[in-house]
Protein backbone atom coordinates (compact mmCIF):
# COMPACT_ATOMS: atom_id res chain seq x y z
CA MET A 1 119.26 24.38 135.47
CA THR A 2 118.79 26.85 138.39
CA PRO A 3 117.99 25.24 141.51
CA THR A 4 114.59 26.00 142.90
CA PRO A 5 114.87 28.04 146.20
CA THR A 6 114.26 26.45 149.49
CA PRO A 7 110.75 28.26 150.61
CA ARG A 8 111.68 30.25 153.80
CA ALA A 9 110.02 28.36 157.18
CA PRO A 10 107.38 31.00 158.48
CA VAL A 11 108.21 33.10 161.54
CA ALA A 12 107.75 30.88 164.62
CA THR A 13 109.53 32.67 167.43
CA ALA A 14 109.73 36.70 168.32
CA THR A 15 111.32 38.69 171.03
CA ILE A 16 109.83 42.20 171.87
CA VAL A 17 112.12 44.81 173.11
CA GLY A 18 110.32 47.32 174.86
CA ARG A 19 107.31 47.57 176.87
CA GLY A 20 105.49 50.81 175.71
CA ARG A 21 101.85 50.64 173.78
CA VAL A 22 103.24 49.49 170.66
CA GLY A 23 105.42 46.65 172.22
CA ARG A 24 102.57 45.22 174.57
CA ALA A 25 100.05 45.32 171.40
CA ILE A 26 102.19 43.75 169.07
CA ALA A 27 103.24 41.06 171.68
CA ALA A 28 99.60 39.84 172.14
CA ALA A 29 98.81 40.31 168.65
CA LEU A 30 101.65 38.06 167.36
CA SER A 31 101.05 35.39 170.44
CA ALA A 32 97.36 35.30 169.23
CA ALA A 33 98.61 34.57 165.63
CA GLY A 34 100.70 31.55 167.01
CA VAL A 35 103.93 32.94 167.29
CA ALA A 36 105.84 32.18 170.47
CA VAL A 37 106.82 35.57 171.80
CA ASN A 38 109.53 36.35 174.54
CA GLY A 39 108.84 39.62 176.46
CA PRO A 40 108.37 42.28 175.96
CA THR A 41 111.59 43.13 177.61
CA THR A 42 112.61 46.33 179.50
CA ARG A 43 115.92 48.22 179.08
CA GLY A 44 118.45 46.09 181.15
CA GLU A 45 116.85 42.99 180.38
CA ALA A 46 118.06 39.75 178.48
CA VAL A 47 116.88 39.83 175.02
CA PRO A 48 116.35 36.31 173.61
CA ASP A 49 117.37 35.27 170.36
CA ALA A 50 114.56 34.51 168.23
CA ASP A 51 113.06 34.34 164.42
CA VAL A 52 112.49 38.07 164.49
CA ILE A 53 113.60 40.70 167.19
CA LEU A 54 111.52 43.47 167.07
CA VAL A 55 112.54 46.90 168.74
CA CYS A 56 109.84 48.75 170.22
CA VAL A 57 111.23 52.32 171.75
CA PRO A 58 111.20 55.63 171.56
CA ASP A 59 112.76 56.72 168.14
CA ASP A 60 115.71 58.56 169.70
CA ALA A 61 116.72 55.07 171.41
CA ILE A 62 116.16 52.35 168.54
CA ALA A 63 120.04 52.80 167.28
CA GLY A 64 121.48 52.63 170.76
CA VAL A 65 119.09 49.53 171.50
CA VAL A 66 120.19 47.60 168.45
CA ALA A 67 123.84 48.69 168.57
CA GLY A 68 123.69 46.95 172.23
CA LEU A 69 122.08 43.73 170.55
CA GLY A 70 125.39 43.01 168.91
CA VAL A 71 124.88 39.89 166.46
CA ARG A 72 122.07 37.90 166.83
CA GLN A 73 120.13 34.75 165.64
CA GLY A 74 117.37 36.11 163.95
CA LEU A 75 116.54 39.46 161.91
CA VAL A 76 116.19 42.53 163.95
CA GLY A 77 113.47 44.90 162.82
CA HIS A 78 111.77 48.19 164.23
CA MET A 79 108.07 49.43 164.63
CA SER A 80 109.07 53.46 164.01
CA GLY A 81 107.24 55.16 161.10
CA ALA A 82 109.66 57.89 160.69
CA VAL A 83 113.42 56.41 161.63
CA THR A 84 115.11 55.16 158.37
CA LEU A 85 116.27 51.36 158.20
CA GLU A 86 119.84 52.54 157.40
CA ALA A 87 120.17 55.48 160.24
CA SER A 88 118.73 52.56 163.02
CA GLY A 89 120.67 49.37 161.48
CA VAL A 90 117.74 46.92 161.47
CA GLY A 91 117.07 44.46 158.84
CA PHE A 92 113.49 45.63 158.23
CA GLY A 93 110.62 48.12 159.32
CA LEU A 94 106.84 47.10 160.52
CA HIS A 95 104.89 50.50 161.46
CA PRO A 96 101.31 50.01 162.26
CA LEU A 97 99.54 53.10 160.73
CA GLN A 98 97.21 53.57 163.98
CA THR A 99 97.45 55.05 167.10
CA PHE A 100 97.48 53.31 170.73
CA ALA A 101 96.18 54.50 173.85
CA GLY A 102 97.39 51.40 175.73
CA GLY A 103 95.16 48.30 176.88
CA GLU A 104 94.60 47.21 172.95
CA GLY A 105 93.59 43.54 172.61
CA PRO A 106 94.87 41.21 170.30
CA ASP A 107 92.61 42.43 167.27
CA ALA A 108 94.18 46.05 167.16
CA PHE A 109 95.96 45.55 164.04
CA HIS A 110 92.98 43.73 162.38
CA GLY A 111 92.49 45.70 159.10
CA ILE A 112 94.65 48.85 159.44
CA GLY A 113 97.30 49.57 156.82
CA CYS A 114 101.06 48.48 157.99
CA ALA A 115 103.98 50.17 156.15
CA ILE A 116 106.55 47.80 155.55
CA ALA A 117 110.61 47.89 154.29
CA GLY A 118 113.30 45.74 154.31
CA ARG A 119 117.27 45.79 153.38
CA SER A 120 116.67 42.63 151.24
CA ALA A 121 113.76 40.66 149.48
CA ALA A 122 113.65 38.11 152.44
CA ALA A 123 113.57 40.88 154.66
CA VAL A 124 110.33 42.65 153.11
CA ASP A 125 109.16 39.08 153.05
CA VAL A 126 109.13 38.23 156.79
CA ALA A 127 107.93 42.21 157.26
CA ARG A 128 104.89 41.42 154.95
CA GLU A 129 104.21 37.99 156.78
CA LEU A 130 104.17 39.63 160.00
CA ALA A 131 101.76 42.37 159.11
CA ILE A 132 99.34 39.79 157.63
CA ARG A 133 99.54 37.30 160.60
CA ILE A 134 98.43 40.13 162.66
CA GLY A 135 95.49 41.02 160.61
CA ALA A 136 96.95 44.20 158.91
CA ARG A 137 97.39 45.33 155.27
CA PRO A 138 100.87 45.59 154.20
CA PHE A 139 102.30 48.52 151.81
CA ALA A 140 105.69 49.13 151.33
CA ILE A 141 107.47 52.53 152.24
CA ASP A 142 111.30 53.03 151.47
CA ASP A 143 113.36 55.05 153.32
CA GLU A 144 113.60 57.83 150.85
CA HIS A 145 109.49 58.61 151.63
CA ARG A 146 109.47 57.28 155.19
CA ALA A 147 109.51 61.07 156.68
CA GLY A 148 107.15 62.32 154.38
CA TYR A 149 104.65 59.60 155.19
CA HIS A 150 104.90 59.73 158.83
CA ALA A 151 104.24 63.35 158.55
CA SER A 152 101.05 62.29 156.88
CA ALA A 153 100.36 60.13 159.69
CA SER A 154 101.00 62.77 162.18
CA LEU A 155 98.72 65.25 160.37
CA ALA A 156 95.73 62.39 160.31
CA SER A 157 96.16 61.79 163.95
CA ASN A 158 98.35 63.72 166.33
CA PHE A 159 97.09 67.17 164.82
CA VAL A 160 93.61 66.22 164.50
CA VAL A 161 93.95 65.74 168.34
CA THR A 162 95.33 69.20 168.63
CA LEU A 163 92.71 70.77 166.47
CA LEU A 164 89.79 69.24 168.57
CA ALA A 165 91.60 70.35 171.75
CA ALA A 166 91.24 74.17 170.18
CA ALA A 167 88.00 73.35 169.29
CA GLU A 168 86.97 72.26 172.73
CA GLN A 169 88.81 75.43 174.07
CA VAL A 170 86.52 77.64 172.06
CA ALA A 171 83.35 75.91 173.02
CA ARG A 172 84.00 76.58 176.73
CA THR A 173 84.24 80.16 176.11
CA ALA A 174 80.67 79.66 174.86
CA GLY A 175 79.59 78.23 178.02
CA LEU A 176 80.09 74.19 177.07
CA ASP A 177 82.66 72.60 179.51
CA GLY A 178 84.81 69.80 178.32
CA PRO A 179 82.70 66.56 178.62
CA ASP A 180 79.60 68.52 177.23
CA ALA A 181 81.60 69.69 174.34
CA ARG A 182 83.15 66.43 173.51
CA ALA A 183 79.66 64.82 173.59
CA LEU A 184 78.00 67.64 171.22
CA LEU A 185 81.09 67.88 168.93
CA THR A 186 81.64 64.22 168.47
CA PRO A 187 78.71 63.31 166.01
CA LEU A 188 79.93 66.20 163.92
CA VAL A 189 83.65 64.79 163.95
CA ARG A 190 82.57 61.37 162.77
CA ARG A 191 80.51 62.59 160.03
CA THR A 192 83.16 64.96 158.92
CA VAL A 193 85.63 61.62 158.73
CA GLN A 194 83.04 59.65 157.11
CA ASN A 195 82.42 62.11 154.48
CA TRP A 196 85.90 62.81 153.93
CA ALA A 197 86.69 58.79 153.56
CA ALA A 198 83.86 58.56 151.11
CA GLU A 199 83.90 61.68 149.18
CA GLY A 200 87.17 62.96 149.58
CA PRO A 201 87.91 66.49 151.02
CA GLU A 202 86.81 68.63 148.01
CA ASN A 203 83.22 67.09 148.22
CA ALA A 204 83.55 66.70 152.15
CA LEU A 205 84.44 70.45 152.67
CA THR A 206 80.96 72.41 154.05
CA GLY A 207 80.76 75.38 156.18
CA PRO A 208 81.03 79.34 155.82
CA ILE A 209 84.39 79.47 153.35
CA ALA A 210 83.08 76.55 151.47
CA ARG A 211 80.01 78.94 150.72
CA GLY A 212 81.74 82.10 150.48
CA ASP A 213 80.40 83.60 153.33
CA GLY A 214 82.92 86.28 154.64
CA VAL A 215 80.68 87.77 157.23
CA THR A 216 80.68 84.79 159.11
CA VAL A 217 83.96 83.88 158.98
CA GLU A 218 85.09 87.43 160.18
CA ARG A 219 82.61 86.87 163.25
CA GLN A 220 84.23 83.78 163.90
CA ARG A 221 87.52 85.47 164.01
CA ASP A 222 86.39 88.46 166.04
CA ALA A 223 85.30 85.74 168.65
CA ILE A 224 88.54 84.00 168.56
CA ARG A 225 90.65 87.09 168.92
CA ALA A 226 88.13 88.49 172.15
CA ASP A 227 87.93 84.99 174.21
CA ALA A 228 91.09 82.86 172.97
CA PRO A 229 93.23 84.77 171.35
CA ASP A 230 96.24 82.63 171.46
CA LEU A 231 94.12 80.56 168.95
CA LEU A 232 93.96 83.34 166.29
CA PRO A 233 97.01 82.37 164.50
CA LEU A 234 95.89 78.77 164.07
CA PHE A 235 92.22 79.86 163.17
CA ASP A 236 93.65 82.32 160.34
CA ALA A 237 96.15 79.64 158.89
CA LEU A 238 93.38 77.05 158.56
CA ALA A 239 91.13 79.62 157.34
CA ASP A 240 93.59 80.32 154.53
CA CYS A 241 94.23 76.43 153.89
CA THR A 242 90.31 76.06 153.77
CA ARG A 243 89.93 78.84 151.29
CA ALA A 244 92.39 77.28 148.88
CA LEU A 245 90.60 73.87 149.64
CA ALA A 246 87.49 75.34 148.73
CA ALA A 247 88.69 77.22 145.51
CA ARG A 248 89.73 73.77 144.45
CA SER A 249 86.24 72.30 145.29
CA ARG A 250 84.79 74.90 142.94
CA SER A 251 86.94 74.29 140.29
CA ILE A 252 85.90 70.54 140.02
CA ALA A 253 82.17 71.35 140.75
């Protein structure tokens, strides 16, 4: 008869390495979830052993920090979306699909997606447990697809901020300063995201390209070329992508 496996004890202690935005946020969330948290520690400080040691440092520093930990009592993981487990030498990964500006409370992870991975079934279980305990929704991402997953996150977050900065720049050429432009554009941005989330990109697309109004698009392009020429390549690239999306939208209409 095969013996029944001994159930794994829940994570009771955690050491957080790195005092950046994510390190501070995960420390607060785990502490609120009943985990005894050490740190966050800074570089050069002692790193206490714990059930799990979470490395929350910039991607290019992870491998060095992990190597410096040496042999430890406790499973070492990182919170990077892009760095593979193999390259970094950690046992598991836990990446919150969220942006952190600093100052978040312990509920910062509630309801968000959290990518998990592990070098063993037990390590995956630990990552899943941590995600659930902080209120997140765990989903699996393996090393092979990690870069693509993280690129998707950058498109949805970082690049959106870049695009909104461009919109704000063009608005200034029409006489709207930064705060006014943001206040006026914010409801439009919110509704657009809500429509995309509810209906998908093909049904959420509106505007002159979706309507086939090439004259208006050329007027917009002329204004960009005259008042914000540095943004003309971005406008043209986005217009081309939007035309392709509009074509898909018409094909399923």
